Protein backbone atom coordinates (compact mmCIF):
# COMPACT_ATOMS: atom_id res chain seq x y z
CA MET A 1 130.75 60.22 181.83
CA ARG A 2 131.35 63.47 183.72
CA ALA A 3 132.45 66.53 181.78
CA VAL A 4 132.76 70.28 182.33
CA CYS A 5 130.70 71.95 179.58
CA PHE A 6 129.71 75.46 178.54
CA ASP A 7 126.69 76.23 176.37
CA GLY A 8 127.65 79.81 175.47
CA PHE A 9 130.85 81.83 175.31
CA SER A 10 131.53 83.43 178.70
CA ALA A 11 128.55 81.53 180.15
CA ARG A 12 129.42 79.78 183.39
CA PRO A 13 130.62 76.20 182.75
CA VAL A 14 128.82 73.35 184.50
CA LEU A 15 129.72 69.77 185.43
CA ARG A 16 127.24 67.34 183.88
CA ASP A 17 126.89 63.83 182.51
CA VAL A 18 127.45 63.51 178.75
CA PRO A 19 127.77 60.56 176.34
CA GLU A 20 131.12 58.79 176.21
CA PRO A 21 133.24 59.31 173.07
CA VAL A 22 134.07 56.53 170.62
CA PRO A 23 137.40 56.25 168.77
CA SER A 24 137.73 57.34 165.16
CA PRO A 25 139.32 54.70 162.85
CA ARG A 26 142.83 56.12 163.39
CA GLY A 27 142.11 57.40 166.89
CA VAL A 28 141.82 56.32 170.50
CA VAL A 29 139.83 57.12 173.62
CA VAL A 30 141.86 57.94 176.72
CA ARG A 31 140.71 57.84 180.33
CA VAL A 32 142.06 61.10 181.70
CA GLU A 33 144.32 60.85 184.72
CA ALA A 34 145.26 64.53 184.96
CA THR A 35 144.80 67.61 182.81
CA GLY A 36 146.10 71.16 183.03
CA LEU A 37 144.03 74.31 183.38
CA CYS A 38 145.64 76.63 180.83
CA ARG A 39 145.00 80.22 179.79
CA SER A 40 144.27 78.91 176.28
CA ASP A 41 141.20 77.22 177.79
CA VAL A 42 140.11 80.67 178.99
CA HIS A 43 140.56 82.13 175.50
CA GLY A 44 138.38 79.35 174.10
CA TRP A 45 135.69 79.87 176.72
CA LEU A 46 135.65 83.62 176.03
CA GLY A 47 135.05 82.98 172.32
CA HIS A 48 138.48 83.91 170.98
CA ASP A 49 138.78 80.67 168.95
CA ASP A 50 136.49 80.44 165.94
CA GLY A 51 136.94 76.67 165.69
CA ILE A 52 134.82 75.96 168.76
CA THR A 53 131.19 74.89 168.37
CA LEU A 54 128.71 74.83 171.22
CA PRO A 55 128.07 73.13 173.57
CA HIS A 56 131.73 72.51 174.30
CA VAL A 57 134.08 70.67 176.68
CA PRO A 58 137.49 72.39 177.05
CA GLY A 59 140.84 70.89 178.08
CA HIS A 60 143.91 70.08 176.00
CA GLU A 61 146.87 69.24 178.30
CA LEU A 62 146.48 65.67 179.47
CA VAL A 63 147.87 62.32 180.46
CA GLY A 64 145.87 59.13 180.73
CA THR A 65 145.40 55.50 179.76
CA ILE A 66 143.97 54.24 176.48
CA THR A 67 140.60 52.52 176.91
CA ALA A 68 139.65 51.99 173.24
CA VAL A 69 141.48 52.04 169.89
CA GLY A 70 140.28 52.49 166.32
CA ASP A 71 140.66 49.72 163.76
CA ASP A 72 143.55 51.44 161.96
CA VAL A 73 145.75 52.14 165.02
CA ARG A 74 148.95 50.08 164.90
CA LEU A 75 151.42 51.50 167.43
CA PHE A 76 149.31 51.81 170.59
CA ALA A 77 147.00 49.52 172.55
CA VAL A 78 144.45 49.54 175.35
CA GLY A 79 146.24 50.07 178.66
CA ASP A 80 149.06 52.25 177.32
CA ARG A 81 149.75 55.42 179.33
CA VAL A 82 150.09 58.34 176.94
CA THR A 83 150.12 62.08 176.43
CA THR A 84 149.78 64.11 173.25
CA PRO A 85 150.66 67.51 171.82
CA PHE A 86 147.65 69.79 171.96
CA VAL A 87 147.96 70.10 168.16
CA CYS A 88 147.19 66.66 166.78
CA ALA A 89 148.56 66.34 163.25
CA CYS A 90 147.09 64.31 160.40
CA GLY A 91 150.48 62.84 159.43
CA ARG A 92 149.74 63.07 155.71
CA CYS A 93 149.70 66.73 154.59
CA PRO A 94 152.76 68.62 153.26
CA GLU A 95 153.40 70.24 156.65
CA CYS A 96 153.35 66.90 158.43
CA LEU A 97 155.55 65.24 155.82
CA SER A 98 158.12 68.02 156.30
CA GLY A 99 158.17 67.38 160.06
CA ASN A 100 156.00 70.35 161.02
CA GLY A 101 152.88 68.72 162.37
CA GLN A 102 152.41 71.59 164.81
CA VAL A 103 151.07 73.63 161.88
CA CYS A 104 149.25 70.74 160.16
CA ARG A 105 146.61 72.08 157.77
CA ASN A 106 144.23 69.31 158.92
CA GLN A 107 145.04 69.54 162.62
CA THR A 108 142.67 68.63 165.40
CA GLN A 109 142.93 70.01 168.91
CA PRO A 110 141.17 68.40 171.87
CA GLY A 111 139.33 71.12 173.71
CA PHE A 112 139.06 73.28 170.59
CA THR A 113 138.14 71.42 167.39
CA HIS A 114 136.34 68.77 169.43
CA TRP A 115 135.54 68.00 173.04
CA GLY A 116 138.55 67.98 175.32
CA SER A 117 140.01 66.60 178.51
CA PHE A 118 137.92 68.30 181.21
CA ALA A 119 136.11 64.98 181.25
CA ASP A 120 136.56 61.39 182.33
CA LEU A 121 137.29 60.33 178.74
CA VAL A 122 138.66 62.17 175.71
CA ALA A 123 138.94 61.17 172.03
CA LEU A 124 142.28 61.76 170.30
CA HIS A 125 142.70 61.45 166.54
CA ASP A 126 145.51 60.06 164.34
CA ALA A 127 146.99 58.25 167.31
CA ASP A 128 150.01 56.71 165.60
CA THR A 129 151.18 60.21 164.61
CA ASN A 130 150.41 62.00 167.85
CA LEU A 131 150.61 59.84 170.94
CA ILE A 132 153.66 59.82 173.18
CA ALA A 133 154.28 56.93 175.57
CA VAL A 134 154.60 58.06 179.19
CA PRO A 135 156.51 55.93 181.73
CA ALA A 136 154.63 54.92 184.85
CA THR A 137 157.26 56.69 186.96
CA LEU A 138 156.56 60.16 185.51
CA ASP A 139 154.43 62.36 187.76
CA SER A 140 150.92 62.75 186.30
CA GLY A 141 150.95 66.54 186.59
CA ALA A 142 154.35 66.77 184.90
CA ALA A 143 153.20 64.50 182.09
CA ALA A 144 150.05 66.55 181.50
CA LEU A 145 151.99 69.81 181.27
CA LEU A 146 154.25 68.45 178.50
CA GLY A 147 151.39 68.67 176.00
CA CYS A 148 151.11 72.45 175.79
CA ARG A 149 153.04 74.86 178.01
CA PHE A 150 156.36 73.02 178.14
CA ALA A 151 156.21 71.82 174.55
CA THR A 152 155.34 75.29 173.24
CA SER A 153 158.12 76.93 175.26
CA TYR A 154 160.62 74.22 174.35
CA ARG A 155 159.92 74.48 170.63
CA GLY A 156 159.96 78.28 170.78
CA LEU A 157 163.34 78.43 172.49
CA VAL A 158 165.09 75.36 171.04
CA HIS A 159 163.71 74.87 167.53
CA GLN A 160 162.64 78.41 166.65
CA ALA A 161 164.98 80.82 168.46
CA ARG A 162 167.79 78.25 168.81
CA LEU A 163 168.71 79.63 172.21
CA GLY A 164 172.22 78.61 173.19
CA ALA A 165 174.22 78.33 176.39
CA GLY A 166 175.63 81.69 177.44
CA GLU A 167 173.01 83.73 175.58
CA THR A 168 170.64 86.15 177.29
CA LEU A 169 166.88 85.59 177.48
CA VAL A 170 164.14 87.88 178.77
CA VAL A 171 160.75 86.34 179.57
CA VAL A 172 157.86 88.79 179.88
CA GLY A 173 154.98 87.32 181.87
CA CYS A 174 155.54 84.62 184.47
CA GLY A 175 152.39 82.56 184.46
CA GLY A 176 152.55 78.88 183.60
CA VAL A 177 154.01 79.17 180.11
CA GLY A 178 156.36 81.98 181.14
CA LEU A 179 157.73 79.97 184.05
CA SER A 180 158.13 77.02 181.69
CA ALA A 181 160.24 79.26 179.43
CA VAL A 182 162.30 80.44 182.41
CA MET A 183 162.92 76.85 183.48
CA ILE A 184 163.83 75.69 179.97
CA GLY A 185 166.07 78.70 179.33
CA ALA A 186 167.98 78.03 182.54
CA ALA A 187 168.29 74.33 181.68
CA LEU A 188 169.80 75.29 178.32
CA GLY A 189 172.44 77.43 180.04
CA ALA A 190 171.06 80.85 179.15
CA GLU A 191 171.11 83.84 181.48
CA VAL A 192 167.43 84.50 182.14
CA VAL A 193 165.72 87.74 183.19
CA ALA A 194 162.04 87.51 184.16
CA VAL A 195 159.52 90.37 184.01
CA ASP A 196 156.13 90.40 185.72
CA ILE A 197 153.73 92.65 187.62
CA ASP A 198 153.62 90.31 190.61
CA ASP A 199 156.31 89.77 193.25
CA ALA A 200 155.17 86.20 193.91
CA ALA A 201 155.50 85.32 190.22
CA LEU A 202 159.01 86.76 190.17
CA ASP A 203 159.90 84.77 193.29
CA ARG A 204 158.84 81.65 191.43
CA ALA A 205 160.91 82.70 188.40
CA THR A 206 163.97 83.09 190.62
CA ARG A 207 163.35 79.68 192.12
CA PHE A 208 163.17 78.17 188.63
CA GLY A 209 166.38 79.71 187.31
CA ALA A 210 165.98 83.42 186.55
CA ALA A 211 169.22 85.27 187.30
CA ARG A 212 167.45 88.65 187.65
CA THR A 213 163.90 89.94 187.76
CA VAL A 214 162.06 93.15 186.90
CA LEU A 215 158.86 94.17 188.69
CA SER A 216 156.75 96.04 186.12
CA SER A 217 153.63 96.77 188.17
CA GLY A 218 152.33 100.30 187.68
CA LEU A 219 155.15 101.35 185.36
CA PRO A 220 154.63 102.85 181.90
CA ARG A 221 156.19 100.99 178.98
CA GLU A 222 159.26 103.22 178.75
CA ALA A 223 160.03 102.75 182.44
CA VAL A 224 159.66 98.98 182.10
CA LEU A 225 161.94 99.04 179.06
CA GLU A 226 164.52 101.09 180.90
CA ALA A 227 164.52 98.65 183.81
CA VAL A 228 164.75 95.64 181.49
CA ARG A 229 167.51 97.14 179.37
CA ALA A 230 169.51 97.92 182.50
CA THR A 231 169.84 94.17 183.11
CA ALA A 232 171.41 93.62 179.66
CA PRO A 233 172.83 96.92 178.32
CA SER A 234 173.84 95.38 174.99
CA GLY A 235 170.37 93.98 174.45
CA PHE A 236 169.02 90.46 174.79
CA ASP A 237 169.65 87.66 172.35
CA VAL A 238 166.13 86.23 172.73
CA SER A 239 162.87 87.51 174.17
CA VAL A 240 159.61 85.72 174.95
CA ASP A 241 156.20 87.31 175.39
CA ALA A 242 154.36 84.71 177.43
CA LEU A 243 151.32 86.84 178.22
CA GLY A 244 149.91 88.17 174.96
CA ARG A 245 149.41 91.89 175.31
CA GLU A 246 150.50 94.64 172.96
CA GLU A 247 152.70 96.21 175.63
CA THR A 248 154.33 92.92 176.71
CA ALA A 249 155.17 92.01 173.12
CA ALA A 250 156.64 95.48 172.61
CA VAL A 251 158.79 95.20 175.73
CA GLY A 252 160.18 91.91 174.47
CA ILE A 253 160.89 93.17 170.96
CA LEU A 254 162.36 96.52 172.02
CA SER A 255 164.70 94.93 174.57
CA LEU A 256 166.53 92.89 171.90
CA ARG A 257 169.98 93.54 170.48
CA PRO A 258 170.35 93.92 166.70
CA ARG A 259 169.38 90.65 164.99
CA GLY A 260 167.79 89.36 168.18
CA ARG A 261 164.97 86.82 168.13
CA HIS A 262 161.54 87.38 169.64
CA VAL A 263 159.32 84.38 170.39
CA GLN A 264 155.59 85.07 170.66
CA ILE A 265 153.84 82.46 172.77
CA GLY A 266 151.12 84.43 174.58
CA LEU A 267 147.84 84.61 172.67
CA PHE A 268 146.31 88.02 171.92
CA PRO A 269 142.57 88.71 172.20
CA SER A 270 142.98 90.71 168.96
CA ASP A 271 145.88 91.46 166.64
CA PRO A 272 148.30 93.95 168.23
CA VAL A 273 150.31 96.87 166.89
CA ILE A 274 153.95 95.74 166.67
CA PRO A 275 156.97 98.15 166.76
CA MET A 276 157.93 97.35 163.18
CA GLY A 277 160.44 100.18 162.99
CA ALA A 278 162.66 98.33 165.47
CA VAL A 279 162.01 95.03 163.70
CA ILE A 280 163.21 96.49 160.41
CA GLY A 281 166.01 98.68 161.74
CA LYS A 282 167.53 95.95 163.92
CA GLU A 283 166.62 93.04 161.62
CA ILE A 284 164.81 91.36 164.48
CA SER A 285 163.21 87.97 163.88
CA ILE A 286 159.69 87.47 165.18
CA LEU A 287 158.94 83.79 165.68
CA GLY A 288 155.74 82.05 166.65
CA SER A 289 155.51 78.79 168.57
CA HIS A 290 152.37 76.72 168.11
CA GLY A 291 153.19 73.62 170.08
CA MET A 292 155.49 70.80 169.01
CA PRO A 293 154.98 67.63 166.97
CA ALA A 294 155.16 64.33 168.81
CA ARG A 295 158.28 63.33 166.85
CA ASP A 296 160.25 66.13 168.55
CA TYR A 297 159.40 65.21 172.14
CA PRO A 298 162.48 63.01 172.84
CA GLY A 299 164.74 66.04 173.52
CA LEU A 300 162.23 67.46 175.98
CA LEU A 301 161.70 64.11 177.65
CA ASP A 302 165.46 63.64 177.95
CA LEU A 303 165.71 66.87 179.96
CA VAL A 304 162.88 65.68 182.22
CA ALA A 305 164.43 62.23 182.64
CA ALA A 306 167.77 63.81 183.55
CA ASP A 307 165.98 65.93 186.19
CA ARG A 308 167.18 69.11 184.47
CA LEU A 309 163.51 70.02 183.96
CA ARG A 310 160.91 69.38 186.64
CA PRO A 311 157.48 70.41 185.29
CA GLN A 312 155.84 69.18 188.49
CA ASP A 313 157.57 71.95 190.43
CA LEU A 314 155.35 74.50 188.66
CA ILE A 315 152.17 72.96 190.05
CA GLU A 316 150.74 75.13 192.80
CA ARG A 317 147.17 73.86 192.91
CA THR A 318 145.60 70.46 192.32
CA ILE A 319 141.82 70.48 192.02
CA SER A 320 139.01 68.08 191.19
CA LEU A 321 136.83 68.13 188.09
CA ALA A 322 134.03 69.63 190.19
CA ASP A 323 136.28 72.61 191.00
CA VAL A 324 136.91 73.49 187.34
CA PRO A 325 133.99 75.88 186.68
CA ASP A 326 135.05 78.18 189.52
CA ALA A 327 138.74 77.92 188.58
CA LEU A 328 138.15 78.71 184.90
CA VAL A 329 136.06 81.78 185.71
CA ALA A 330 138.65 82.94 188.26
CA MET A 331 141.53 82.58 185.78
CA ALA A 332 139.65 84.69 183.25
CA GLY A 333 139.43 87.50 185.77
CA ASP A 334 143.06 87.41 186.90
CA ARG A 335 145.66 87.97 184.18
CA SER A 336 148.42 87.91 186.78
CA ALA A 337 147.62 84.47 188.22
CA GLY A 338 150.90 82.61 188.63
CA GLY A 339 151.80 79.00 189.03
CA VAL A 340 149.97 76.10 187.41
CA THR A 341 146.68 74.42 188.26
CA VAL A 342 146.29 70.73 187.49
CA ILE A 343 142.98 68.86 187.53
CA ASP A 344 143.27 65.36 189.00
CA LEU A 345 140.42 63.22 187.66
CA ARG A 346 141.02 60.69 190.43
CA LEU A 347 139.83 63.13 193.10
């Protein structure tokens, strides 16, 4: 089968033929229909994830059709159209049994712990715990994006921060996951303010539900904070750092009202310094979001089915598998890249 591989961290990926995967006893093999190009894939390629062994095939947001099933799979069959959370849970550990498979101690992650979906076929483990049936009517790009960006934003805002209608939300960084958070916040009835260094990204945020925007390009942190605070003088109820920089996390945290909730979604290249004085003095909650277990997808899918969420509207570029090496390298060099790129394996 075809797959995009890299043999060294930061070494240019190449498209080559590799052996096809076989299903584990509780797993399946899926023929990939579409897969997202996510900034997490860039972090993996750059060597920021110590779970990756070389050579490696990235890719973790996907939709496709099952082509083979392991002997112990009971709920899914060849021909089923499915997606999966990027964190695949074991279904048996204490975290899984408590309903928190997104932090499973035995988790597998396609594109990180094993070869991923930048390939014709991908192996997924513990299928009965992790697969989500996808209707034939759901756009392939939208279905692929549910596995990471939308699920992570949805869990962060709904299950972690418990964002409610009428509350205020500031989203710092309007790439794919940030725009997902803007869209979900608006769908939940929150008043959303979006912050980014790029006018085009802020235009997208407005289109997807942001009530106000703040252009932060070239401004020092205090000036950005002043501009953000001016949009909600009493402070925000919830903030999201969707980029993963020390300064963007600080802007989110320092813009909150007392007892506000900060959701950290953007990944950091290294651990940042956090303004803990404000966290302590205001009793701010700092919450992580590491994806969402398959059992919690119905609420997200209900919003999509009701047309209150349209993940496909975030897609700005659709490319072929052969285009991935150039696109991955380009994303690594452009932290401000907005919109979403989807890889269509049928091209």
